[in-house]
Amino acid sequence: MDLADRVLTFSHEHHLWHRGDTIVVACSGGPDSLVLLDVMLSLRAREGIDVVAAHFEHGIRGDDSLADAAFVEQFCSERGVACFVRHEDVPSYARENRMSIETAARERRYAFLRKIASEQKSDGDALIAVAHQKDDQAETVMMHILRGSGIAGLCGMRPRAGDIIRPLLDVSRADIERYAEVHGLAPRHDATNDELDATRNKVRHILMPLIRREFNPAIDDALMRLSSAAGDSADFLRAAAKRAWDGVVEKDEFGFSVRREAFKKLPKAVAFELLSLIGERIGLSQRLTAVHYDDVMNLIEDGRTSARLNLPSDMVAAVDYNQIHIYNRKHNGKKEKQETHDKARYKIASIEKENVAVSLDDFGMMLEIEKMTSLMTDMKLDRHTIAVDVDVLPLPWTIRAREDGDAMMTSGGRKKIKKLLIDAKIPREERDSVPIFVSHGDIFWAGGVRRSSLGMIKKSDESAQSIVLLKLHRYK
């Protein structure tokens, strides 16, 4: 069967595209991606799809890299195919963001490809076709085996994962090279693929040839069957995790909250998949491993309030009484929210009117200020409503986020704000949302939590001349 027909059969079997879709082919200029582009061009009329090319130049290999970009542009120009090229300095991006060049290159490349896909107008979906093939899949599964992978790693790469499709996943490298020769293609060669300093290259050039020669000449087919079987199991576990979701997981302000006791009752494989699902939804760029799962389970068993665990890709798990909060401190807005609160600072310089409302937008609250001559005996005072003597706590007042070392006077002596918030069972990620009221350096109220003994007025106290009632209302 012709290679294009094989790709077509595989693509229909896995529903990679539909009539009217636009396929953005990621083309580096190497054998695999060049053959992929050529095959997709040969199928576009039969399948009723549109095909464009996209080339990402990483700025890693100097003149060779620039020559690859020029080659792809020329190839597309000769065939009348739209070609989008982007040049970036990936090494600088990697340094600035403290990540490996490989991770940075992948992140920036897929960001570019998805941008191009989003700009394509068509009757159907805009998909990204990448040139992973059968040998790549076998090498990937083998690498995961060497690392001690679970079922997810044994799946290798899926034919379709969201907007990413892999039409060549059932085509061998030898078949690709044969196709290029027969069709007169002259792909570029990336010399870094021959170097033995990378794990994948060692698997490709040393381990796999050894296994084919000494143990199983059909190891690639065996690993493909393993991958397919693991994929079926992984799909079953993913469905089970989604069914368990509502009884175990809740969305919260920063990420997700996991009910500890309910999570502990899940079968281990389902619980592991549930954690992986959470990771995906908060932007985890790599799957959790069994080691990470064991760490989270130890955290859950430990159960110490405020205990926390750092996971890959800025993912954090933190104990909060009967829950575990899991969030991504980089991508979920926690970092930005923290910075906002660090800058949040309101000042009440004077109280001219009898009743005034002040918006504390950074805290998601409204402050109502009311002047009074005395306190009514039936007036309710609580952690959200306090009365203060302005003669004892003179204006101006500052309302800000908490700071390290903050403390205030209580009936039991001087207490750290941090300790008061813990005692009040305020979750760690919400503690910067508590407004701290300050008068000339003295904290007199952790808004909505507890007030200070300074300037406190009793309902029977007739000596206070300047009474102000403060009420906090949270936005709905």
Protein backbone atom coordinates (compact mmCIF):
# COMPACT_ATOMS: atom_id res chain seq x y z
CA MET A 1 0.00 0.00 0.00
CA ASP A 2 1.26 3.47 -0.89
CA LEU A 3 2.44 5.47 2.12
CA ALA A 4 -0.16 8.19 1.52
CA ASP A 5 -2.91 5.53 1.54
CA ARG A 6 -1.52 4.08 4.77
CA VAL A 7 -1.60 7.53 6.36
CA LEU A 8 -5.16 8.01 5.14
CA THR A 9 -6.29 4.66 6.59
CA PHE A 10 -4.60 5.40 9.92
CA SER A 11 -6.08 8.90 10.06
CA HIS A 12 -9.62 7.65 9.39
CA GLU A 13 -9.22 4.91 12.01
CA HIS A 14 -8.28 7.46 14.65
CA HIS A 15 -10.51 10.30 13.39
CA LEU A 16 -7.60 12.70 13.02
CA TRP A 17 -9.46 15.20 10.83
CA HIS A 18 -12.73 15.87 9.05
CA ARG A 19 -13.67 17.50 5.78
CA GLY A 20 -13.34 21.28 6.04
CA ASP A 21 -10.54 21.21 8.62
CA THR A 22 -7.31 23.18 8.25
CA ILE A 23 -4.10 21.31 8.99
CA VAL A 24 -1.08 23.33 10.13
CA VAL A 25 1.92 21.09 9.38
CA ALA A 26 4.89 21.73 11.68
CA CYS A 27 7.81 21.42 9.27
CA SER A 28 11.44 21.59 10.41
CA GLY A 29 12.79 20.64 7.00
CA GLY A 30 13.99 17.22 8.20
CA PRO A 31 12.94 13.90 6.60
CA ASP A 32 9.93 13.17 8.81
CA SER A 33 8.28 16.60 8.68
CA LEU A 34 9.06 17.13 4.99
CA VAL A 35 7.47 13.80 4.07
CA LEU A 36 4.49 14.61 6.32
CA LEU A 37 3.98 17.93 4.53
CA ASP A 38 4.29 16.29 1.10
CA VAL A 39 1.82 13.53 2.03
CA MET A 40 -0.70 15.99 3.48
CA LEU A 41 -0.50 18.05 0.29
CA SER A 42 -1.23 14.93 -1.75
CA LEU A 43 -4.31 14.20 0.40
CA ARG A 44 -5.86 17.66 0.66
CA ALA A 45 -8.03 17.45 -2.47
CA ARG A 46 -9.27 13.92 -1.70
CA GLU A 47 -10.03 14.78 1.93
CA GLY A 48 -11.41 18.28 1.44
CA ILE A 49 -8.92 19.81 3.87
CA ASP A 50 -6.73 22.88 3.69
CA VAL A 51 -2.99 22.53 4.42
CA VAL A 52 -0.49 25.20 5.48
CA ALA A 53 3.07 24.92 6.79
CA ALA A 54 4.69 26.47 9.87
CA HIS A 55 8.40 26.57 10.71
CA PHE A 56 9.80 27.63 14.08
CA GLU A 57 13.45 28.71 14.06
CA HIS A 58 14.80 28.40 17.60
CA GLY A 59 17.95 30.48 17.25
CA ILE A 60 19.96 27.52 18.57
CA ARG A 61 21.99 26.23 15.62
CA GLY A 62 23.13 29.49 14.05
CA ASP A 63 23.49 29.53 10.25
CA ASP A 64 22.31 25.93 9.91
CA SER A 65 19.06 26.84 11.64
CA LEU A 66 18.54 29.85 9.37
CA ALA A 67 19.24 27.67 6.35
CA ASP A 68 16.54 25.21 7.50
CA ALA A 69 14.00 28.06 7.62
CA ALA A 70 14.98 29.25 4.13
CA PHE A 71 14.72 25.68 2.81
CA VAL A 72 11.17 25.22 4.14
CA GLU A 73 10.08 28.58 2.73
CA GLN A 74 11.49 27.66 -0.69
CA PHE A 75 9.87 24.19 -0.60
CA CYS A 76 6.47 25.73 0.13
CA SER A 77 6.89 28.53 -2.40
CA GLU A 78 7.54 26.02 -5.18
CA ARG A 79 4.29 24.23 -4.30
CA GLY A 80 2.17 27.30 -3.71
CA VAL A 81 1.64 26.49 -0.04
CA ALA A 82 1.24 29.14 2.64
CA CYS A 83 4.25 29.03 4.95
CA PHE A 84 4.55 30.79 8.30
CA VAL A 85 8.01 31.24 9.83
CA ARG A 86 8.95 32.57 13.24
CA HIS A 87 12.46 33.32 14.53
CA GLU A 88 13.09 33.40 18.30
CA ASP A 89 16.02 33.41 20.70
CA VAL A 90 15.09 30.32 22.70
CA PRO A 91 18.36 30.16 24.71
CA SER A 92 17.66 33.65 26.11
CA TYR A 93 14.05 32.72 26.86
CA ALA A 94 15.26 29.61 28.69
CA ARG A 95 17.68 31.63 30.83
CA GLU A 96 15.10 34.29 31.67
CA ASN A 97 12.53 31.68 32.71
CA ARG A 98 14.97 29.28 34.37
CA MET A 99 14.12 26.26 32.26
CA SER A 100 16.03 23.85 30.04
CA ILE A 101 16.52 24.80 26.40
CA GLU A 102 14.54 21.70 25.37
CA THR A 103 11.56 22.71 27.51
CA ALA A 104 11.76 26.33 26.38
CA ALA A 105 11.96 25.31 22.71
CA ARG A 106 8.93 23.05 23.03
CA GLU A 107 6.90 25.71 24.89
CA ARG A 108 7.66 28.47 22.39
CA ARG A 109 7.23 26.19 19.37
CA TYR A 110 3.77 25.04 20.38
CA ALA A 111 2.75 28.57 21.32
CA PHE A 112 3.69 29.65 17.78
CA LEU A 113 1.91 26.70 16.17
CA ARG A 114 -1.27 27.32 18.14
CA LYS A 115 -1.18 31.01 17.24
CA ILE A 116 -0.99 30.12 13.55
CA ALA A 117 -3.79 27.57 13.95
CA SER A 118 -6.00 30.12 15.72
CA GLU A 119 -5.57 32.54 12.82
CA GLN A 120 -6.71 30.05 10.17
CA LYS A 121 -10.30 30.47 9.06
CA SER A 122 -12.08 27.36 7.89
CA ASP A 123 -15.41 25.57 8.04
CA GLY A 124 -13.93 23.03 10.44
CA ASP A 125 -11.22 22.78 13.08
CA ALA A 126 -7.67 24.07 12.81
CA LEU A 127 -5.32 21.23 13.78
CA ILE A 128 -1.57 20.96 14.21
CA ALA A 129 0.13 18.02 12.51
CA VAL A 130 3.49 16.92 13.90
CA ALA A 131 5.79 14.33 12.33
CA HIS A 132 6.29 11.80 15.12
CA GLN A 133 6.56 8.35 13.56
CA LYS A 134 6.69 4.69 14.55
CA ASP A 135 10.37 4.64 15.56
CA ASP A 136 9.85 7.78 17.66
CA GLN A 137 6.97 6.06 19.41
CA ALA A 138 9.01 2.93 20.15
CA GLU A 139 11.89 5.05 21.48
CA THR A 140 9.52 7.09 23.63
CA VAL A 141 7.93 4.02 25.21
CA MET A 142 11.38 2.49 25.79
CA MET A 143 12.60 5.68 27.49
CA HIS A 144 9.55 5.66 29.74
CA ILE A 145 10.18 2.00 30.63
CA LEU A 146 13.76 2.88 31.57
CA ARG A 147 12.46 5.65 33.83
CA GLY A 148 10.02 3.33 35.58
CA SER A 149 6.88 4.75 34.00
CA GLY A 150 3.31 3.84 34.81
CA ILE A 151 0.50 3.21 32.34
CA ALA A 152 0.43 6.79 31.09
CA GLY A 153 4.07 6.64 30.03
CA LEU A 154 3.59 3.27 28.34
CA CYS A 155 0.93 4.88 26.13
CA GLY A 156 3.63 6.93 24.49
CA MET A 157 2.23 9.51 22.09
CA ARG A 158 -1.42 9.40 21.07
CA PRO A 159 -2.51 9.66 17.41
CA ARG A 160 -4.58 12.65 18.47
CA ALA A 161 -4.21 14.71 21.64
CA GLY A 162 -6.52 17.71 21.59
CA ASP A 163 -5.51 19.87 18.64
CA ILE A 164 -2.32 17.85 17.97
CA ILE A 165 -2.45 15.06 15.37
CA ARG A 166 0.26 12.55 14.41
CA PRO A 167 -0.57 11.09 10.96
CA LEU A 168 2.79 9.26 10.65
CA LEU A 169 2.64 7.40 13.95
CA ASP A 170 2.24 4.03 12.22
CA VAL A 171 4.95 4.69 9.60
CA SER A 172 8.56 3.58 10.15
CA ARG A 173 11.63 5.74 9.63
CA ALA A 174 12.76 3.39 6.84
CA ASP A 175 9.44 3.88 5.02
CA ILE A 176 9.80 7.64 5.34
CA GLU A 177 13.31 7.62 3.93
CA ARG A 178 12.11 5.42 1.05
CA TYR A 179 9.25 7.82 0.29
CA ALA A 180 11.62 10.81 0.27
CA GLU A 181 13.95 9.06 -2.17
CA VAL A 182 11.17 7.92 -4.53
CA HIS A 183 9.54 11.37 -4.60
CA GLY A 184 12.79 13.24 -5.06
CA LEU A 185 12.70 15.08 -1.73
CA ALA A 186 15.99 16.36 -0.34
CA PRO A 187 15.37 16.99 3.37
CA ARG A 188 17.70 18.86 5.66
CA HIS A 189 19.79 16.99 8.22
CA ASP A 190 20.08 18.06 11.87
CA ALA A 191 23.52 16.89 13.04
CA THR A 192 22.48 17.17 16.70
CA ASN A 193 20.33 14.05 16.18
CA ASP A 194 23.55 12.06 15.72
CA GLU A 195 25.15 13.16 18.99
CA LEU A 196 25.12 10.69 21.87
CA ASP A 197 24.87 13.22 24.70
CA ALA A 198 21.05 13.10 24.78
CA THR A 199 19.17 10.13 26.24
CA ARG A 200 16.89 9.75 23.22
CA ASN A 201 19.86 9.63 20.85
CA LYS A 202 21.50 6.93 22.98
CA VAL A 203 18.27 4.90 22.90
CA ARG A 204 18.00 5.44 19.13
CA HIS A 205 21.58 4.70 18.15
CA ILE A 206 22.72 2.21 20.82
CA LEU A 207 19.93 0.52 22.78
CA MET A 208 17.32 -0.12 20.08
CA PRO A 209 19.82 -1.54 17.53
CA LEU A 210 21.19 -3.80 20.28
CA ILE A 211 17.73 -5.14 21.14
CA ARG A 212 16.86 -5.69 17.47
CA ARG A 213 20.12 -7.54 16.93
CA GLU A 214 20.35 -9.62 20.11
CA PHE A 215 16.81 -10.03 21.46
CA ASN A 216 13.87 -9.13 19.23
CA PRO A 217 14.14 -7.86 15.66
CA ALA A 218 10.48 -6.78 15.86
CA ILE A 219 10.87 -4.78 19.09
CA ASP A 220 9.31 -1.70 17.48
CA ASP A 221 6.10 -3.60 16.70
CA ALA A 222 6.09 -5.11 20.22
CA LEU A 223 6.40 -1.67 21.79
CA MET A 224 3.63 -0.33 19.55
CA ARG A 225 1.31 -3.12 20.73
CA LEU A 226 2.24 -2.34 24.34
CA SER A 227 1.51 1.32 23.69
CA SER A 228 -1.91 0.54 22.23
CA ALA A 229 -2.87 -1.75 25.13
CA ALA A 230 -1.69 0.81 27.67
CA GLY A 231 -3.71 3.46 25.86
CA ASP A 232 -6.89 1.44 26.29
CA SER A 233 -6.17 1.04 30.02
CA ALA A 234 -5.36 4.72 30.40
CA ASP A 235 -8.66 5.67 28.74
CA PHE A 236 -10.53 3.46 31.22
CA LEU A 237 -8.73 5.06 34.19
CA ARG A 238 -9.34 8.55 32.86
CA ALA A 239 -13.06 7.83 32.60
CA ALA A 240 -13.06 6.46 36.17
CA ALA A 241 -11.24 9.56 37.45
CA LYS A 242 -13.78 11.85 35.77
CA ARG A 243 -16.63 9.92 37.38
CA ALA A 244 -14.97 10.30 40.81
CA TRP A 245 -14.25 14.01 40.32
CA ASP A 246 -17.45 15.53 41.73
CA GLY A 247 -17.25 13.55 44.95
CA VAL A 248 -13.61 14.40 45.64
CA VAL A 249 -12.55 17.64 43.95
CA GLU A 250 -13.83 21.22 44.08
CA LYS A 251 -12.64 24.26 42.13
CA ASP A 252 -11.42 27.04 44.40
CA GLU A 253 -9.93 30.50 43.98
CA PHE A 254 -6.39 29.36 43.20
CA GLY A 255 -6.73 25.84 41.86
CA PHE A 256 -8.51 22.80 43.26
CA SER A 257 -9.38 21.46 46.71
CA VAL A 258 -9.27 17.70 47.29
CA ARG A 259 -11.24 16.11 50.12
CA ARG A 260 -8.64 14.10 51.96
CA GLU A 261 -10.78 11.26 53.28
CA ALA A 262 -12.67 10.78 50.01
CA PHE A 263 -9.40 10.78 48.06
CA LYS A 264 -7.87 8.14 50.35
CA LYS A 265 -10.79 5.77 49.64
CA LEU A 266 -10.20 5.76 45.87
CA PRO A 267 -8.33 2.86 44.25
CA LYS A 268 -4.70 3.87 43.86
CA ALA A 269 -4.76 3.88 40.05
CA VAL A 270 -7.87 6.09 39.96
CA ALA A 271 -6.46 8.47 42.59
CA PHE A 272 -3.23 8.78 40.60
CA GLU A 273 -5.20 9.58 37.45
CA LEU A 274 -7.29 12.12 39.37
CA LEU A 275 -4.10 13.93 40.44
CA SER A 276 -2.88 13.90 36.86
CA LEU A 277 -6.20 15.35 35.70
CA ILE A 278 -5.90 18.16 38.24
CA GLY A 279 -2.36 18.83 37.05
CA GLU A 280 -3.53 19.17 33.46
CA ARG A 281 -6.29 21.58 34.42
CA ILE A 282 -3.94 23.91 36.27
CA GLY A 283 -1.29 23.96 33.55
CA LEU A 284 1.12 21.20 34.55
CA SER A 285 3.47 20.80 31.57
CA GLN A 286 4.47 17.23 32.45
CA ARG A 287 2.66 14.29 33.99
CA LEU A 288 3.16 13.41 37.62
CA THR A 289 5.19 10.29 38.32
CA ALA A 290 4.57 7.54 40.86
CA VAL A 291 7.11 9.24 43.13
CA HIS A 292 5.07 12.45 43.09
CA TYR A 293 1.90 10.50 43.82
CA ASP A 294 3.55 8.81 46.81
CA ASP A 295 4.70 12.22 48.07
CA VAL A 296 1.14 13.56 47.88
CA MET A 297 -0.19 10.47 49.68
CA ASN A 298 2.38 10.96 52.45
CA LEU A 299 1.27 14.59 52.72
CA ILE A 300 -2.35 13.47 53.05
CA GLU A 301 -1.48 10.86 55.68
CA ASP A 302 0.64 13.38 57.58
CA GLY A 303 -2.24 15.85 57.68
CA ARG A 304 -0.34 18.65 59.44
CA THR A 305 -2.08 21.95 58.69
CA SER A 306 0.06 24.21 56.47
CA ALA A 307 2.31 21.31 55.41
CA ARG A 308 3.13 21.73 51.73
CA LEU A 309 4.79 19.92 48.87
CA ASN A 310 6.41 21.34 45.75
CA LEU A 311 5.64 19.38 42.58
CA PRO A 312 6.81 19.84 38.96
CA SER A 313 6.02 22.94 36.88
CA ASP A 314 5.33 25.22 39.89
CA MET A 315 2.58 22.91 41.10
CA VAL A 316 2.03 22.97 44.87
CA ALA A 317 0.02 20.73 47.21
CA ALA A 318 -0.80 22.20 50.63
CA VAL A 319 -2.71 20.74 53.59
CA ASP A 320 -5.57 22.80 54.95
CA TYR A 321 -7.35 20.88 57.72
CA ASN A 322 -9.54 18.26 55.97
CA GLN A 323 -8.54 19.30 52.46
CA ILE A 324 -5.52 19.39 50.19
CA HIS A 325 -5.23 22.48 48.00
CA ILE A 326 -3.45 21.91 44.69
CA TYR A 327 -2.55 24.91 42.59
CA ASN A 328 -0.01 26.26 40.13
CA ARG A 329 1.68 29.26 41.70
CA LYS A 330 2.95 30.50 38.34
CA HIS A 331 -0.10 30.24 36.11
CA ASN A 332 -3.23 30.30 38.23
CA GLY A 333 -3.13 33.89 39.31
CA LYS A 334 -1.84 33.25 42.85
CA LYS A 335 1.44 35.00 42.17
CA GLU A 336 -0.29 37.96 40.51
CA LYS A 337 -2.85 38.12 43.29
CA GLN A 338 -0.11 38.11 45.91
CA GLU A 339 1.64 40.99 44.17
CA THR A 340 -1.63 42.90 43.99
CA HIS A 341 -2.20 42.49 47.71
CA ASP A 342 1.37 43.49 48.50
CA LYS A 343 0.63 46.80 46.80
CA ALA A 344 -2.96 47.12 48.07
CA ARG A 345 -3.07 50.02 50.49
CA TYR A 346 -6.08 52.17 51.32
CA LYS A 347 -6.10 55.22 53.59
CA ILE A 348 -8.99 56.65 55.59
CA ALA A 349 -7.79 60.18 56.31
CA SER A 350 -11.03 61.63 57.66
CA ILE A 351 -14.69 60.78 58.17
CA GLU A 352 -16.74 63.77 57.09
CA LYS A 353 -20.17 62.17 56.67
CA GLU A 354 -22.29 60.28 59.15
CA ASN A 355 -22.29 57.21 56.91
CA VAL A 356 -19.86 56.37 54.11
CA ALA A 357 -18.93 53.30 52.08
CA VAL A 358 -15.39 52.55 50.90
CA SER A 359 -14.63 50.00 48.17
CA LEU A 360 -11.73 47.68 49.06
CA ASP A 361 -11.60 46.13 45.59
CA ASP A 362 -8.27 44.34 46.06
CA PHE A 363 -9.79 42.44 48.96
CA GLY A 364 -13.15 41.86 47.30
CA MET A 365 -14.90 43.78 50.10
CA MET A 366 -16.90 46.91 50.88
CA LEU A 367 -16.25 48.81 54.14
CA GLU A 368 -19.18 50.69 55.69
CA ILE A 369 -18.21 53.44 58.14
CA GLU A 370 -20.86 54.92 60.44
CA LYS A 371 -20.44 57.65 63.06
CA MET A 372 -22.31 57.01 66.31
CA THR A 373 -22.94 58.79 69.60
CA SER A 374 -23.44 55.59 71.57
CA LEU A 375 -23.81 51.85 71.06
CA MET A 376 -27.31 50.39 71.15
CA THR A 377 -27.69 47.54 73.61
CA ASP A 378 -29.17 45.29 70.91
CA MET A 379 -26.44 46.10 68.37
CA LYS A 380 -24.63 43.04 67.11
CA LEU A 381 -20.84 43.22 67.14
CA ASP A 382 -18.83 40.34 65.70
CA ARG A 383 -15.73 39.65 63.61
CA HIS A 384 -17.33 41.45 60.64
CA THR A 385 -18.65 44.43 62.61
CA ILE A 386 -16.65 46.32 65.23
CA ALA A 387 -16.91 49.63 67.11
CA VAL A 388 -13.79 51.70 67.80
CA ASP A 389 -12.95 54.80 69.78
CA VAL A 390 -11.31 57.22 67.36
CA ASP A 391 -9.77 59.14 70.25
CA VAL A 392 -7.81 55.99 71.14
CA LEU A 393 -7.21 54.93 67.52
CA PRO A 394 -6.86 58.27 65.73
CA LEU A 395 -7.05 58.81 61.98
CA PRO A 396 -5.59 58.37 59.46
CA TRP A 397 -6.13 54.63 59.20
CA THR A 398 -4.32 52.42 56.73
CA ILE A 399 -5.95 49.29 55.34
CA ARG A 400 -3.45 46.89 53.77
CA ALA A 401 -2.49 43.28 53.22
CA ARG A 402 -0.67 41.49 56.02
CA GLU A 403 3.09 41.78 56.35
CA ASP A 404 5.75 39.61 57.94
CA GLY A 405 5.90 40.15 61.70
CA ASP A 406 2.43 41.69 61.99
CA ALA A 407 0.96 41.38 65.50
CA MET A 408 -1.77 43.01 67.57
CA MET A 409 -2.92 43.25 71.17
CA THR A 410 -5.68 40.88 72.28
CA SER A 411 -7.24 40.16 75.65
CA GLY A 412 -4.73 37.31 75.93
CA GLY A 413 -1.69 39.45 75.12
CA ARG A 414 0.18 40.30 71.93
CA LYS A 415 -0.56 37.78 69.14
CA LYS A 416 1.00 37.34 65.72
CA ILE A 417 -1.48 37.89 62.89
CA LYS A 418 -0.25 34.69 61.25
CA LYS A 419 -1.16 32.71 64.38
CA LEU A 420 -4.59 34.36 64.58
CA LEU A 421 -5.34 33.44 60.97
CA ILE A 422 -4.25 29.84 61.54
CA ASP A 423 -6.36 29.59 64.69
CA ALA A 424 -9.32 30.98 62.72
CA LYS A 425 -8.74 28.23 60.12
CA ILE A 426 -8.23 30.70 57.29
CA PRO A 427 -6.72 28.69 54.37
CA ARG A 428 -3.13 29.64 53.54
CA GLU A 429 -4.00 30.90 50.06
CA GLU A 430 -6.74 33.21 51.45
CA ARG A 431 -4.70 34.87 54.21
CA ASP A 432 -3.49 37.67 51.96
CA SER A 433 -7.13 38.51 51.28
CA VAL A 434 -7.68 39.58 54.91
CA PRO A 435 -7.56 43.41 55.23
CA ILE A 436 -5.38 44.62 58.09
CA PHE A 437 -6.52 47.89 59.74
CA VAL A 438 -3.72 50.05 61.18
CA SER A 439 -3.77 53.30 63.21
CA HIS A 440 -0.39 55.00 63.61
CA GLY A 441 1.44 51.66 63.56
CA ASP A 442 -1.05 49.82 65.79
CA ILE A 443 -3.07 47.01 64.18
CA PHE A 444 -6.60 47.14 65.53
CA TRP A 445 -8.47 44.72 63.27
CA ALA A 446 -7.78 41.72 61.06
CA GLY A 447 -10.94 42.37 59.06
CA GLY A 448 -13.49 39.58 59.29
CA VAL A 449 -11.26 37.58 61.64
CA ARG A 450 -10.55 39.31 64.96
CA ARG A 451 -10.21 42.79 66.42
CA SER A 452 -7.64 44.18 68.80
CA SER A 453 -8.29 45.08 72.41
CA LEU A 454 -7.07 48.60 71.57
CA GLY A 455 -9.87 51.18 71.29
CA MET A 456 -12.50 48.60 72.12
CA ILE A 457 -15.83 50.03 73.27
CA LYS A 458 -18.26 48.26 75.53
CA LYS A 459 -21.97 48.89 75.08
CA SER A 460 -22.13 50.22 78.64
CA ASP A 461 -19.20 52.59 78.07
CA GLU A 462 -20.43 56.18 78.12
CA SER A 463 -16.97 57.76 78.28
CA ALA A 464 -16.21 57.28 74.59
CA GLN A 465 -16.95 60.48 72.68
CA SER A 466 -15.90 59.49 69.13
CA ILE A 467 -17.45 56.16 68.25
CA VAL A 468 -17.21 54.72 64.76
CA LEU A 469 -18.90 51.53 63.61
CA LEU A 470 -17.03 49.53 60.94
CA LYS A 471 -18.77 46.84 58.91
CA LEU A 472 -17.20 44.63 56.25
CA HIS A 473 -19.28 43.18 53.42
CA ARG A 474 -17.77 40.69 50.96
CA TYR A 475 -18.66 41.12 47.30
CA LYS A 476 -20.91 38.38 45.98
